[in-house]
N, C-alpha and C. Protein backbone atom coordinates (compact mmCIF):
# COMPACT_ATOMS: atom_id res chain seq x y z
N UNK A 1 0.83 -1.02 -0.03
CA UNK A 1 0.11 -0.13 -0.09
C UNK A 1 1.01 0.88 -0.06
N UNK A 2 0.25 2.39 -0.48
CA UNK A 2 1.06 3.65 -0.62
C UNK A 2 1.29 4.39 0.63
N UNK A 3 2.42 4.46 1.12
CA UNK A 3 2.57 5.10 2.21
C UNK A 3 2.54 6.92 2.07
N UNK A 4 2.30 7.10 1.03
CA UNK A 4 2.04 8.90 0.97
C UNK A 4 0.81 9.27 0.57
N UNK A 5 0.72 10.35 1.32
CA UNK A 5 -0.73 10.94 1.30
C UNK A 5 -0.69 12.48 1.21
N UNK A 6 -1.47 12.81 0.21
CA UNK A 6 -1.75 14.17 0.01
C UNK A 6 -2.39 15.00 1.06
N UNK A 7 -1.93 16.02 1.46
CA UNK A 7 -2.48 16.60 2.67
C UNK A 7 -4.05 16.39 2.72
N UNK A 8 -4.78 17.25 1.64
CA UNK A 8 -6.37 17.38 1.12
C UNK A 8 -6.82 15.75 1.24
N UNK A 9 -6.20 14.61 0.74
CA UNK A 9 -6.69 13.27 1.06
C UNK A 9 -6.44 12.82 2.52
N UNK A 10 -5.27 13.34 3.31
CA UNK A 10 -5.25 12.66 4.70
C UNK A 10 -6.41 13.71 5.59
N UNK A 11 -6.81 14.81 5.21
CA UNK A 11 -7.82 15.31 5.95
C UNK A 11 -8.85 14.62 5.62
N UNK A 12 -9.17 14.37 4.36
CA UNK A 12 -10.53 13.61 4.08
C UNK A 12 -10.76 12.27 4.48
N UNK A 13 -9.46 11.35 4.77
CA UNK A 13 -9.48 10.09 5.25
C UNK A 13 -8.66 9.82 6.39
N UNK A 14 -8.85 10.67 7.35
CA UNK A 14 -8.12 10.94 8.39
C UNK A 14 -8.20 9.40 9.18
N UNK A 15 -9.33 9.00 9.42
CA UNK A 15 -9.66 7.71 10.08
C UNK A 15 -8.65 6.47 9.51
N UNK A 16 -8.76 6.32 8.00
CA UNK A 16 -8.04 5.45 7.39
C UNK A 16 -6.52 5.71 7.59
N UNK A 17 -6.16 6.84 7.68
CA UNK A 17 -4.75 7.10 7.54
C UNK A 17 -4.11 6.35 9.14
N UNK A 18 -4.79 6.98 10.10
CA UNK A 18 -4.63 6.32 11.49
C UNK A 18 -4.49 4.86 11.50
N UNK A 19 -5.46 4.11 10.78
CA UNK A 19 -5.51 2.68 10.64
C UNK A 19 -4.15 2.32 9.96
N UNK A 20 -4.00 2.74 8.83
CA UNK A 20 -3.05 2.52 8.04
C UNK A 20 -1.29 2.79 8.75
N UNK A 21 -1.36 3.71 9.76
CA UNK A 21 -0.40 3.91 10.37
C UNK A 21 -0.10 2.67 11.63
N UNK A 22 -1.38 2.24 11.77
CA UNK A 22 -1.03 1.23 13.04
C UNK A 22 -0.99 -0.10 12.13
N UNK A 23 -1.14 -0.31 11.03
CA UNK A 23 -1.06 -1.62 10.36
C UNK A 23 0.00 -1.68 9.57
N UNK A 24 0.24 -0.62 8.95
CA UNK A 24 1.28 -0.47 7.43
C UNK A 24 2.59 0.00 8.12
N UNK A 25 2.67 0.90 9.06
CA UNK A 25 3.75 1.90 9.25
C UNK A 25 3.69 3.16 9.20
N UNK A 26 4.69 3.88 9.37
CA UNK A 26 4.55 5.43 9.20
C UNK A 26 4.14 5.63 7.71
N UNK A 27 3.09 6.70 7.81
CA UNK A 27 2.51 7.33 6.79
C UNK A 27 3.00 8.62 6.54
N UNK A 28 3.68 9.04 5.30
CA UNK A 28 3.78 10.35 5.06
C UNK A 28 3.01 11.31 4.44
N UNK A 29 2.94 12.50 4.81
CA UNK A 29 1.76 13.39 4.43
C UNK A 29 2.32 14.76 3.53
N UNK A 30 1.92 14.63 2.30
CA UNK A 30 2.95 15.58 1.54
C UNK A 30 2.02 17.04 1.31
N UNK A 31 2.83 17.82 1.29
CA UNK A 31 2.20 19.53 1.12
C UNK A 31 2.96 19.98 -0.14
N UNK A 32 2.10 20.06 -0.99
CA UNK A 32 2.35 20.81 -2.43
C UNK A 32 3.62 20.08 -2.85
N UNK A 33 3.17 18.66 -2.89
CA UNK A 33 4.22 17.57 -3.19
C UNK A 33 5.66 17.49 -2.54
N UNK A 34 5.57 18.07 -1.34
CA UNK A 34 6.74 17.99 -0.89
C UNK A 34 6.63 17.33 0.77
N UNK A 35 7.43 16.08 1.22
CA UNK A 35 7.05 15.38 2.41
C UNK A 35 7.09 16.70 3.46
N UNK A 36 5.92 16.64 4.27
CA UNK A 36 5.59 17.24 5.15
C UNK A 36 5.58 17.05 6.66
N UNK A 37 4.85 15.88 6.83
CA UNK A 37 4.88 15.32 8.41
C UNK A 37 4.68 13.82 8.09
N UNK A 38 4.65 13.17 9.18
CA UNK A 38 4.67 11.71 9.13
C UNK A 38 3.43 11.34 10.39
N UNK A 39 2.86 10.52 10.18
CA UNK A 39 1.93 9.94 11.28
C UNK A 39 2.15 8.66 11.50
N UNK A 40 2.70 8.24 12.72
CA UNK A 40 3.14 7.28 13.52
C UNK A 40 1.95 6.39 14.33
N UNK A 41 2.05 5.10 14.35
CA UNK A 41 1.49 4.36 15.43
C UNK A 41 1.75 4.77 16.95
N UNK A 42 1.02 4.56 17.79
CA UNK A 42 1.53 4.89 19.24
C UNK A 42 2.63 4.15 19.76
N UNK A 43 2.62 2.73 18.88
CA UNK A 43 3.76 1.84 19.26
C UNK A 43 5.36 2.43 18.83
N UNK A 44 4.92 2.81 17.35
CA UNK A 44 6.43 3.44 16.79
C UNK A 44 6.54 4.53 17.68
N UNK A 45 5.88 5.33 18.15
CA UNK A 45 6.26 6.70 18.69
C UNK A 45 7.12 6.43 20.01
N UNK A 46 6.52 5.33 20.74
CA UNK A 46 6.91 4.78 22.26
C UNK A 46 8.21 4.41 21.90
N UNK A 47 8.48 3.61 20.94
CA UNK A 47 9.85 2.78 20.63
C UNK A 47 10.74 4.09 20.26
N UNK A 48 10.34 4.96 19.66
CA UNK A 48 11.20 6.13 19.25
C UNK A 48 11.69 6.85 20.59
N UNK A 49 10.72 7.47 21.29
CA UNK A 49 10.79 7.99 22.76
C UNK A 49 11.56 7.31 23.75
N UNK A 50 11.28 5.88 23.79
CA UNK A 50 12.13 5.26 24.65
C UNK A 50 13.68 5.03 24.54
N UNK A 51 14.25 5.31 23.07
CA UNK A 51 15.54 5.17 22.60
C UNK A 51 16.00 6.54 22.87
N UNK A 52 15.50 7.64 23.23
CA UNK A 52 16.04 8.89 23.29
C UNK A 52 16.52 9.42 24.70
N UNK A 53 17.64 9.55 25.01
CA UNK A 53 18.00 10.19 26.42
C UNK A 53 17.63 11.27 27.18
N UNK A 54 17.52 11.38 28.07
CA UNK A 54 16.97 12.67 28.76
C UNK A 54 18.22 13.53 28.79
N UNK A 55 17.65 14.65 29.12
CA UNK A 55 18.56 15.91 29.22
C UNK A 55 19.62 15.47 30.67
N UNK A 56 18.69 14.64 31.60
CA UNK A 56 19.46 14.62 32.88
C UNK A 56 20.72 13.05 32.27
N UNK A 57 20.27 12.24 31.74
CA UNK A 57 21.23 11.33 31.12
C UNK A 57 22.35 11.70 30.62
N UNK A 58 22.28 12.77 29.68
CA UNK A 58 23.09 13.04 29.02
C UNK A 58 24.04 13.77 29.83
N UNK A 59 23.69 14.67 30.63
CA UNK A 59 24.53 15.67 31.48
C UNK A 59 25.28 14.75 32.62
N UNK A 60 24.57 13.56 33.11
CA UNK A 60 25.47 12.77 34.10
C UNK A 60 26.48 11.83 33.31
N UNK A 61 26.25 11.88 31.96
CA UNK A 61 27.10 10.65 31.15
C UNK A 61 28.31 11.61 30.62
N UNK A 62 28.63 12.92 31.31
CA UNK A 62 29.89 13.51 30.71
C UNK A 62 30.99 13.19 31.88
N UNK A 63 31.94 13.87 31.65
CA UNK A 63 33.08 13.70 32.25
C UNK A 63 33.03 13.87 33.66
N UNK A 64 33.61 13.30 34.41
CA UNK A 64 33.78 13.18 35.89
C UNK A 64 35.07 14.68 35.98
N UNK A 65 34.26 15.64 36.98
CA UNK A 65 35.57 16.42 37.22
C UNK A 65 35.95 16.51 38.54
N UNK A 66 37.12 16.86 39.28
CA UNK A 66 37.53 16.61 40.63
C UNK A 66 37.17 18.13 40.82
N UNK A 67 37.31 18.31 42.21
CA UNK A 67 36.85 19.68 42.88
C UNK A 67 37.89 20.65 42.29
N UNK A 68 38.89 20.22 42.24
CA UNK A 68 40.06 21.25 41.90
C UNK A 68 39.74 21.85 40.38
N UNK A 69 39.13 20.82 39.70
CA UNK A 69 38.62 21.45 38.12
C UNK A 69 37.70 22.47 38.29
N UNK A 70 36.70 21.50 38.95
CA UNK A 70 35.75 22.85 39.52
C UNK A 70 35.84 24.16 39.81
N UNK A 71 36.74 24.05 40.96
CA UNK A 71 37.28 25.45 41.34
C UNK A 71 37.75 26.13 40.04
N UNK A 72 38.58 25.39 39.10
CA UNK A 72 38.99 26.27 38.34
C UNK A 72 38.12 26.84 37.24
N UNK A 73 37.16 25.89 36.65
CA UNK A 73 35.87 26.41 35.80
C UNK A 73 35.10 27.45 36.78
N UNK A 74 35.33 27.49 37.81
CA UNK A 74 34.25 28.34 38.62
C UNK A 74 34.94 29.79 38.74
N UNK A 75 36.20 29.72 38.75
CA UNK A 75 37.23 30.97 39.03
C UNK A 75 36.90 32.06 38.10
N UNK A 76 36.60 33.18 38.41
CA UNK A 76 36.35 34.46 37.58
C UNK A 76 37.64 35.45 37.48
N UNK A 77 37.80 36.03 36.32
CA UNK A 77 38.64 36.83 36.00
C UNK A 77 38.52 38.25 36.94
N UNK A 78 39.73 38.66 37.53
CA UNK A 78 39.62 40.02 38.22
C UNK A 78 39.54 41.06 37.42
N UNK A 79 39.72 40.88 35.73
CA UNK A 79 39.67 41.86 35.22
C UNK A 79 38.59 42.59 34.73
N UNK A 80 38.54 44.00 35.24
CA UNK A 80 37.32 44.90 35.06
C UNK A 80 36.74 45.32 33.61
N UNK A 81 37.80 44.83 32.67
CA UNK A 81 37.28 45.15 31.14
C UNK A 81 38.00 46.82 30.76
N UNK A 82 37.54 47.39 29.93
CA UNK A 82 38.39 48.52 29.31
C UNK A 82 37.96 49.58 30.32
N UNK A 83 38.83 50.52 30.43
CA UNK A 83 38.59 51.97 31.23
C UNK A 83 37.84 52.69 30.29
N UNK A 84 36.89 53.39 31.02
CA UNK A 84 35.90 54.34 30.21
C UNK A 84 36.75 55.62 30.28
N UNK A 85 36.47 56.70 29.51
CA UNK A 85 37.15 57.73 29.31
C UNK A 85 35.76 58.69 29.28
N UNK A 86 35.42 59.04 30.20
CA UNK A 86 34.07 59.82 30.57
C UNK A 86 34.85 61.12 31.05
């Protein structure tokens, strides 16, 4: 079965589109002949979401820093910038 739907057809046959996403896989919607959106079954969507790490996971997977390294990163320059000639 064709997995591409023109926007007008997708709107007119939305229930069928959703059923096809569930039974036949992702359905692509085109707008003016260009791929514009995808309809996924909830199962496909959850599978994609389940594989994506959270921001917390990403941050915690970074390099471990010693207290000394953290102190160096947090050290601020005492430079006050350019002098103003007012």
